[in-house]
Amino acid sequence: MSFDDEFNEDLDEDLDDPISKTPKTSTPTIQSKTPMVKGTGGGKKMSLFFTSTIGPGEKKQKLIVDDANRIGDIKNTVGNIFGLNPSDFHLSSGGVTMDEGSPLKDYNVYDGDEVLLIPASTAGICQ
């Protein structure tokens, strides 16, 4: 048997008629990376630039956040975006390390401001 005969045999296979098959009615589930609002929510929306100083090179990402969201919830979202564990970094703005239990509106952060991701080992949170 030559290669051409073998190739032709493959073409002689019975193929299912795709038109006669019934279409699938189930739709695939889509998972969202948008954080659910926990707590009061409904605060003022602002655009912030999150800059990671962790690892090689500086990475920056722009996000729209609700100032009523807790810092811990924002950290979880930012950690997912940068591929970091939220326990490995803190958020800081204007030289102030933000507390995870506080809402963003407790800090002097305004639309267009930069928020830094700093390694947990160098953050200066007083407990």
N, C-alpha and C. Protein backbone atom coordinates (compact mmCIF):
# COMPACT_ATOMS: atom_id res chain seq x y z
N MET A 1 0.86 -1.17 0.00
CA MET A 1 0.00 0.00 0.00
C MET A 1 0.90 1.23 0.00
N SER A 2 0.63 2.15 -0.87
CA SER A 2 1.43 3.36 -0.96
C SER A 2 0.83 4.45 -0.07
N PHE A 3 1.58 5.50 0.09
CA PHE A 3 1.13 6.64 0.90
C PHE A 3 -0.15 7.22 0.32
N ASP A 4 -0.24 7.34 -1.02
CA ASP A 4 -1.42 7.90 -1.66
C ASP A 4 -2.66 7.05 -1.39
N ASP A 5 -2.52 5.71 -1.41
CA ASP A 5 -3.65 4.83 -1.12
C ASP A 5 -4.13 5.02 0.32
N GLU A 6 -3.18 5.13 1.22
CA GLU A 6 -3.52 5.33 2.63
C GLU A 6 -4.24 6.66 2.81
N PHE A 7 -3.78 7.69 2.13
CA PHE A 7 -4.39 9.01 2.22
C PHE A 7 -5.81 8.98 1.68
N ASN A 8 -6.02 8.31 0.56
CA ASN A 8 -7.34 8.21 -0.04
C ASN A 8 -8.30 7.43 0.85
N GLU A 9 -7.79 6.41 1.54
CA GLU A 9 -8.65 5.66 2.44
C GLU A 9 -9.19 6.54 3.55
N ASP A 10 -8.34 7.46 4.04
CA ASP A 10 -8.78 8.36 5.10
C ASP A 10 -9.91 9.26 4.62
N LEU A 11 -9.90 9.61 3.37
CA LEU A 11 -10.93 10.49 2.84
C LEU A 11 -12.26 9.78 2.63
N ASP A 12 -12.23 8.44 2.57
CA ASP A 12 -13.44 7.68 2.34
C ASP A 12 -14.25 7.46 3.61
N GLU A 13 -13.82 7.99 4.74
CA GLU A 13 -14.54 7.79 5.99
C GLU A 13 -15.91 8.46 5.92
N ASP A 14 -16.87 7.87 6.62
CA ASP A 14 -18.19 8.47 6.72
C ASP A 14 -18.13 9.63 7.70
N LEU A 15 -18.54 10.76 7.25
CA LEU A 15 -18.56 11.94 8.11
C LEU A 15 -19.98 12.24 8.52
N ASP A 16 -20.16 12.68 9.76
CA ASP A 16 -21.49 13.07 10.22
C ASP A 16 -21.91 14.34 9.50
N ASP A 17 -23.18 14.41 9.22
CA ASP A 17 -23.72 15.60 8.60
C ASP A 17 -23.96 16.65 9.69
N PRO A 18 -23.16 17.74 9.74
CA PRO A 18 -23.31 18.70 10.82
C PRO A 18 -24.63 19.47 10.77
N ILE A 19 -25.29 19.50 9.63
CA ILE A 19 -26.54 20.26 9.51
C ILE A 19 -27.67 19.50 10.17
N SER A 20 -27.63 18.16 10.10
CA SER A 20 -28.73 17.37 10.64
C SER A 20 -28.67 17.24 12.16
N LYS A 21 -27.55 17.56 12.75
CA LYS A 21 -27.43 17.46 14.20
C LYS A 21 -28.18 18.61 14.87
N THR A 22 -28.73 18.33 16.02
CA THR A 22 -29.43 19.38 16.75
C THR A 22 -28.41 20.26 17.46
N PRO A 23 -28.61 21.57 17.40
CA PRO A 23 -27.64 22.47 18.04
C PRO A 23 -27.76 22.38 19.56
N LYS A 24 -26.64 22.65 20.20
CA LYS A 24 -26.64 22.66 21.66
C LYS A 24 -27.34 23.93 22.14
N THR A 25 -28.19 23.77 23.13
CA THR A 25 -28.96 24.91 23.62
C THR A 25 -28.34 25.54 24.86
N SER A 26 -27.40 24.85 25.49
CA SER A 26 -26.81 25.42 26.70
C SER A 26 -25.70 26.42 26.31
N THR A 27 -25.63 27.49 27.04
CA THR A 27 -24.61 28.49 26.79
C THR A 27 -23.51 28.33 27.82
N PRO A 28 -22.27 28.57 27.43
CA PRO A 28 -21.18 28.41 28.39
C PRO A 28 -21.27 29.48 29.48
N THR A 29 -20.84 29.10 30.67
CA THR A 29 -20.85 30.07 31.76
C THR A 29 -19.61 30.94 31.66
N ILE A 30 -19.81 32.21 31.92
CA ILE A 30 -18.72 33.18 31.84
C ILE A 30 -18.45 33.67 33.25
N GLN A 31 -17.20 33.56 33.66
CA GLN A 31 -16.83 34.03 34.99
C GLN A 31 -16.28 35.44 34.87
N SER A 32 -16.74 36.31 35.74
CA SER A 32 -16.33 37.70 35.72
C SER A 32 -15.21 37.94 36.71
N LYS A 33 -14.27 38.81 36.36
CA LYS A 33 -13.21 39.20 37.28
C LYS A 33 -13.56 40.52 37.97
N THR A 34 -14.74 41.02 37.73
CA THR A 34 -15.18 42.24 38.37
C THR A 34 -15.56 41.91 39.80
N PRO A 35 -15.00 42.62 40.78
CA PRO A 35 -15.31 42.27 42.17
C PRO A 35 -16.74 42.62 42.53
N MET A 36 -17.34 41.78 43.37
CA MET A 36 -18.66 42.09 43.88
C MET A 36 -18.50 43.18 44.92
N VAL A 37 -19.45 44.09 44.98
CA VAL A 37 -19.40 45.16 45.96
C VAL A 37 -19.80 44.58 47.30
N LYS A 38 -18.90 44.69 48.27
CA LYS A 38 -19.18 44.21 49.61
C LYS A 38 -19.30 45.43 50.50
N GLY A 39 -20.24 45.42 51.35
CA GLY A 39 -20.43 46.57 52.22
C GLY A 39 -21.48 47.49 51.62
N THR A 40 -21.34 48.77 51.91
CA THR A 40 -22.36 49.72 51.50
C THR A 40 -22.37 49.96 50.00
N GLY A 41 -21.21 50.11 49.37
CA GLY A 41 -21.15 50.39 47.94
C GLY A 41 -21.82 51.72 47.64
N GLY A 42 -22.04 51.99 46.39
CA GLY A 42 -22.75 53.20 46.01
C GLY A 42 -21.97 54.47 46.23
N GLY A 43 -20.66 54.37 46.38
CA GLY A 43 -19.84 55.57 46.56
C GLY A 43 -19.52 56.21 45.23
N LYS A 44 -18.55 57.07 45.25
CA LYS A 44 -18.13 57.78 44.05
C LYS A 44 -17.15 56.92 43.25
N LYS A 45 -17.39 56.83 41.95
CA LYS A 45 -16.48 56.08 41.06
C LYS A 45 -15.31 56.99 40.70
N MET A 46 -14.11 56.40 40.74
CA MET A 46 -12.92 57.15 40.34
C MET A 46 -11.95 56.26 39.61
N SER A 47 -11.17 56.87 38.76
CA SER A 47 -10.18 56.16 37.98
C SER A 47 -8.83 56.31 38.68
N LEU A 48 -8.20 55.17 39.02
CA LEU A 48 -6.91 55.19 39.71
C LEU A 48 -5.90 54.38 38.93
N PHE A 49 -4.63 54.75 39.07
CA PHE A 49 -3.53 54.02 38.45
C PHE A 49 -2.83 53.21 39.54
N PHE A 50 -2.85 51.89 39.40
CA PHE A 50 -2.19 51.01 40.36
C PHE A 50 -0.84 50.62 39.78
N THR A 51 0.24 50.89 40.52
CA THR A 51 1.59 50.62 40.07
C THR A 51 2.22 49.59 40.98
N SER A 52 2.68 48.49 40.39
CA SER A 52 3.33 47.43 41.15
C SER A 52 4.84 47.65 41.14
N THR A 53 5.42 47.71 42.33
CA THR A 53 6.87 47.82 42.48
C THR A 53 7.46 46.47 42.85
N ILE A 54 6.64 45.42 42.73
CA ILE A 54 7.06 44.07 43.12
C ILE A 54 7.54 43.33 41.88
N GLY A 55 8.70 42.71 41.99
CA GLY A 55 9.25 41.95 40.87
C GLY A 55 10.03 42.85 39.93
N PRO A 56 10.52 42.24 38.85
CA PRO A 56 11.32 43.02 37.89
C PRO A 56 10.45 43.97 37.07
N GLY A 57 10.89 45.17 36.93
CA GLY A 57 10.17 46.15 36.13
C GLY A 57 8.94 46.68 36.83
N GLU A 58 8.55 47.87 36.44
CA GLU A 58 7.37 48.51 37.02
C GLU A 58 6.18 48.23 36.11
N LYS A 59 5.07 47.81 36.72
CA LYS A 59 3.86 47.54 35.94
C LYS A 59 2.77 48.48 36.42
N LYS A 60 1.99 49.01 35.49
CA LYS A 60 0.93 49.96 35.84
C LYS A 60 -0.37 49.52 35.19
N GLN A 61 -1.48 49.67 35.95
CA GLN A 61 -2.80 49.30 35.45
C GLN A 61 -3.81 50.34 35.91
N LYS A 62 -4.66 50.79 35.00
CA LYS A 62 -5.70 51.76 35.33
C LYS A 62 -6.99 51.01 35.66
N LEU A 63 -7.62 51.38 36.79
CA LEU A 63 -8.87 50.75 37.21
C LEU A 63 -9.87 51.79 37.65
N ILE A 64 -11.13 51.51 37.43
CA ILE A 64 -12.20 52.36 37.96
C ILE A 64 -12.71 51.67 39.22
N VAL A 65 -12.65 52.38 40.33
CA VAL A 65 -13.06 51.80 41.62
C VAL A 65 -14.10 52.68 42.29
N ASP A 66 -14.86 52.08 43.16
CA ASP A 66 -15.85 52.77 43.97
C ASP A 66 -15.18 53.12 45.29
N ASP A 67 -15.24 54.38 45.69
CA ASP A 67 -14.52 54.78 46.91
C ASP A 67 -15.16 54.23 48.18
N ALA A 68 -16.32 53.57 48.07
CA ALA A 68 -16.94 52.92 49.23
C ALA A 68 -16.40 51.50 49.43
N ASN A 69 -15.67 50.96 48.44
CA ASN A 69 -15.11 49.62 48.57
C ASN A 69 -14.00 49.61 49.60
N ARG A 70 -13.92 48.48 50.32
CA ARG A 70 -12.86 48.33 51.31
C ARG A 70 -11.52 48.07 50.61
N ILE A 71 -10.45 48.50 51.25
CA ILE A 71 -9.11 48.31 50.70
C ILE A 71 -8.81 46.83 50.48
N GLY A 72 -9.26 45.96 51.39
CA GLY A 72 -9.04 44.52 51.23
C GLY A 72 -9.66 43.97 49.96
N ASP A 73 -10.85 44.44 49.62
CA ASP A 73 -11.52 43.99 48.39
C ASP A 73 -10.77 44.50 47.16
N ILE A 74 -10.31 45.73 47.22
CA ILE A 74 -9.54 46.30 46.11
C ILE A 74 -8.23 45.53 45.95
N LYS A 75 -7.58 45.19 47.08
CA LYS A 75 -6.34 44.40 47.03
C LYS A 75 -6.55 43.06 46.34
N ASN A 76 -7.66 42.41 46.63
CA ASN A 76 -7.94 41.12 45.98
C ASN A 76 -8.04 41.26 44.47
N THR A 77 -8.73 42.29 44.02
CA THR A 77 -8.88 42.53 42.58
C THR A 77 -7.53 42.87 41.94
N VAL A 78 -6.80 43.77 42.57
CA VAL A 78 -5.50 44.18 42.04
C VAL A 78 -4.52 43.00 42.04
N GLY A 79 -4.58 42.17 43.09
CA GLY A 79 -3.73 40.99 43.14
C GLY A 79 -3.99 40.05 41.99
N ASN A 80 -5.28 39.87 41.64
CA ASN A 80 -5.63 39.03 40.49
C ASN A 80 -5.07 39.60 39.19
N ILE A 81 -5.14 40.89 39.04
CA ILE A 81 -4.67 41.54 37.81
C ILE A 81 -3.16 41.39 37.65
N PHE A 82 -2.42 41.60 38.76
CA PHE A 82 -0.96 41.54 38.70
C PHE A 82 -0.40 40.14 38.97
N GLY A 83 -1.27 39.18 39.27
CA GLY A 83 -0.82 37.82 39.54
C GLY A 83 -0.09 37.71 40.87
N LEU A 84 -0.55 38.46 41.86
CA LEU A 84 0.08 38.46 43.17
C LEU A 84 -0.90 38.01 44.25
N ASN A 85 -0.36 37.41 45.30
CA ASN A 85 -1.17 37.05 46.45
C ASN A 85 -1.41 38.32 47.26
N PRO A 86 -2.65 38.67 47.58
CA PRO A 86 -2.93 39.91 48.31
C PRO A 86 -2.22 40.02 49.66
N SER A 87 -1.85 38.89 50.26
CA SER A 87 -1.13 38.96 51.54
C SER A 87 0.33 39.34 51.36
N ASP A 88 0.82 39.36 50.12
CA ASP A 88 2.22 39.68 49.85
C ASP A 88 2.48 41.17 49.62
N PHE A 89 1.42 41.98 49.58
CA PHE A 89 1.62 43.41 49.33
C PHE A 89 0.59 44.25 50.07
N HIS A 90 0.88 45.54 50.16
CA HIS A 90 -0.03 46.53 50.73
C HIS A 90 -0.24 47.61 49.69
N LEU A 91 -1.34 48.34 49.81
CA LEU A 91 -1.60 49.49 48.94
C LEU A 91 -1.19 50.74 49.68
N SER A 92 -0.58 51.66 48.94
CA SER A 92 -0.09 52.89 49.54
C SER A 92 -0.32 54.06 48.60
N SER A 93 -0.71 55.19 49.19
CA SER A 93 -0.90 56.41 48.40
C SER A 93 -0.46 57.60 49.24
N GLY A 94 0.33 58.46 48.66
CA GLY A 94 0.79 59.65 49.37
C GLY A 94 1.64 59.31 50.59
N GLY A 95 2.34 58.18 50.55
CA GLY A 95 3.19 57.77 51.67
C GLY A 95 2.43 57.10 52.80
N VAL A 96 1.14 56.89 52.64
CA VAL A 96 0.32 56.27 53.67
C VAL A 96 -0.04 54.84 53.24
N THR A 97 0.24 53.87 54.11
CA THR A 97 -0.14 52.49 53.85
C THR A 97 -1.59 52.32 54.27
N MET A 98 -2.41 51.81 53.37
CA MET A 98 -3.85 51.71 53.59
C MET A 98 -4.22 50.45 54.37
N ASP A 99 -5.15 50.58 55.30
CA ASP A 99 -5.63 49.48 56.12
C ASP A 99 -6.70 48.71 55.36
N GLU A 100 -6.61 47.37 55.37
CA GLU A 100 -7.52 46.53 54.59
C GLU A 100 -8.99 46.67 54.99
N GLY A 101 -9.27 46.98 56.23
CA GLY A 101 -10.65 47.07 56.69
C GLY A 101 -11.31 48.40 56.42
N SER A 102 -10.55 49.39 55.99
CA SER A 102 -11.08 50.74 55.76
C SER A 102 -11.55 50.91 54.33
N PRO A 103 -12.57 51.74 54.12
CA PRO A 103 -12.98 52.05 52.74
C PRO A 103 -11.98 53.01 52.11
N LEU A 104 -11.94 53.00 50.79
CA LEU A 104 -11.02 53.87 50.04
C LEU A 104 -11.26 55.34 50.36
N LYS A 105 -12.53 55.71 50.62
CA LYS A 105 -12.85 57.13 50.85
C LYS A 105 -12.22 57.68 52.12
N ASP A 106 -11.69 56.80 53.01
CA ASP A 106 -11.01 57.27 54.22
C ASP A 106 -9.63 57.86 53.92
N TYR A 107 -9.17 57.74 52.70
CA TYR A 107 -7.84 58.23 52.32
C TYR A 107 -7.98 59.37 51.31
N ASN A 108 -7.01 60.21 51.27
CA ASN A 108 -7.02 61.36 50.35
C ASN A 108 -6.60 60.91 48.95
N VAL A 109 -7.48 60.14 48.32
CA VAL A 109 -7.23 59.63 46.98
C VAL A 109 -8.27 60.25 46.06
N TYR A 110 -7.79 60.80 44.95
CA TYR A 110 -8.67 61.48 44.01
C TYR A 110 -8.56 60.87 42.63
N ASP A 111 -9.53 61.15 41.78
CA ASP A 111 -9.56 60.65 40.42
C ASP A 111 -8.23 60.93 39.72
N GLY A 112 -7.62 59.89 39.14
CA GLY A 112 -6.36 60.03 38.42
C GLY A 112 -5.12 59.83 39.27
N ASP A 113 -5.29 59.61 40.58
CA ASP A 113 -4.14 59.40 41.47
C ASP A 113 -3.50 58.04 41.24
N GLU A 114 -2.27 57.92 41.73
CA GLU A 114 -1.53 56.68 41.65
C GLU A 114 -1.52 56.00 43.01
N VAL A 115 -1.76 54.68 43.01
CA VAL A 115 -1.71 53.87 44.22
C VAL A 115 -0.62 52.83 43.99
N LEU A 116 0.32 52.72 44.95
CA LEU A 116 1.43 51.78 44.82
C LEU A 116 1.12 50.45 45.50
N LEU A 117 1.60 49.38 44.88
CA LEU A 117 1.60 48.07 45.50
C LEU A 117 3.00 47.90 46.05
N ILE A 118 3.12 47.82 47.37
CA ILE A 118 4.44 47.68 47.98
C ILE A 118 4.53 46.34 48.70
N PRO A 119 5.71 45.71 48.68
CA PRO A 119 5.85 44.41 49.34
C PRO A 119 5.47 44.49 50.81
N ALA A 120 4.82 43.47 51.32
CA ALA A 120 4.38 43.45 52.72
C ALA A 120 5.54 43.58 53.68
N SER A 121 6.70 43.07 53.30
CA SER A 121 7.85 43.11 54.20
C SER A 121 8.40 44.51 54.40
N THR A 122 8.09 45.46 53.49
CA THR A 122 8.62 46.83 53.63
C THR A 122 7.55 47.83 54.02
N ALA A 123 6.30 47.39 54.11
CA ALA A 123 5.22 48.32 54.46
C ALA A 123 5.28 48.67 55.93
N GLY A 124 4.92 49.90 56.26
CA GLY A 124 5.01 50.37 57.63
C GLY A 124 3.68 50.47 58.33
N ILE A 125 2.95 49.37 58.41
CA ILE A 125 1.66 49.39 59.12
C ILE A 125 1.92 49.13 60.59
N CYS A 126 1.38 49.99 61.42
CA CYS A 126 1.47 49.81 62.87
C CYS A 126 0.27 49.01 63.32
N GLN A 127 0.50 47.96 64.04
CA GLN A 127 -0.61 47.12 64.49
C GLN A 127 -0.90 47.34 65.96
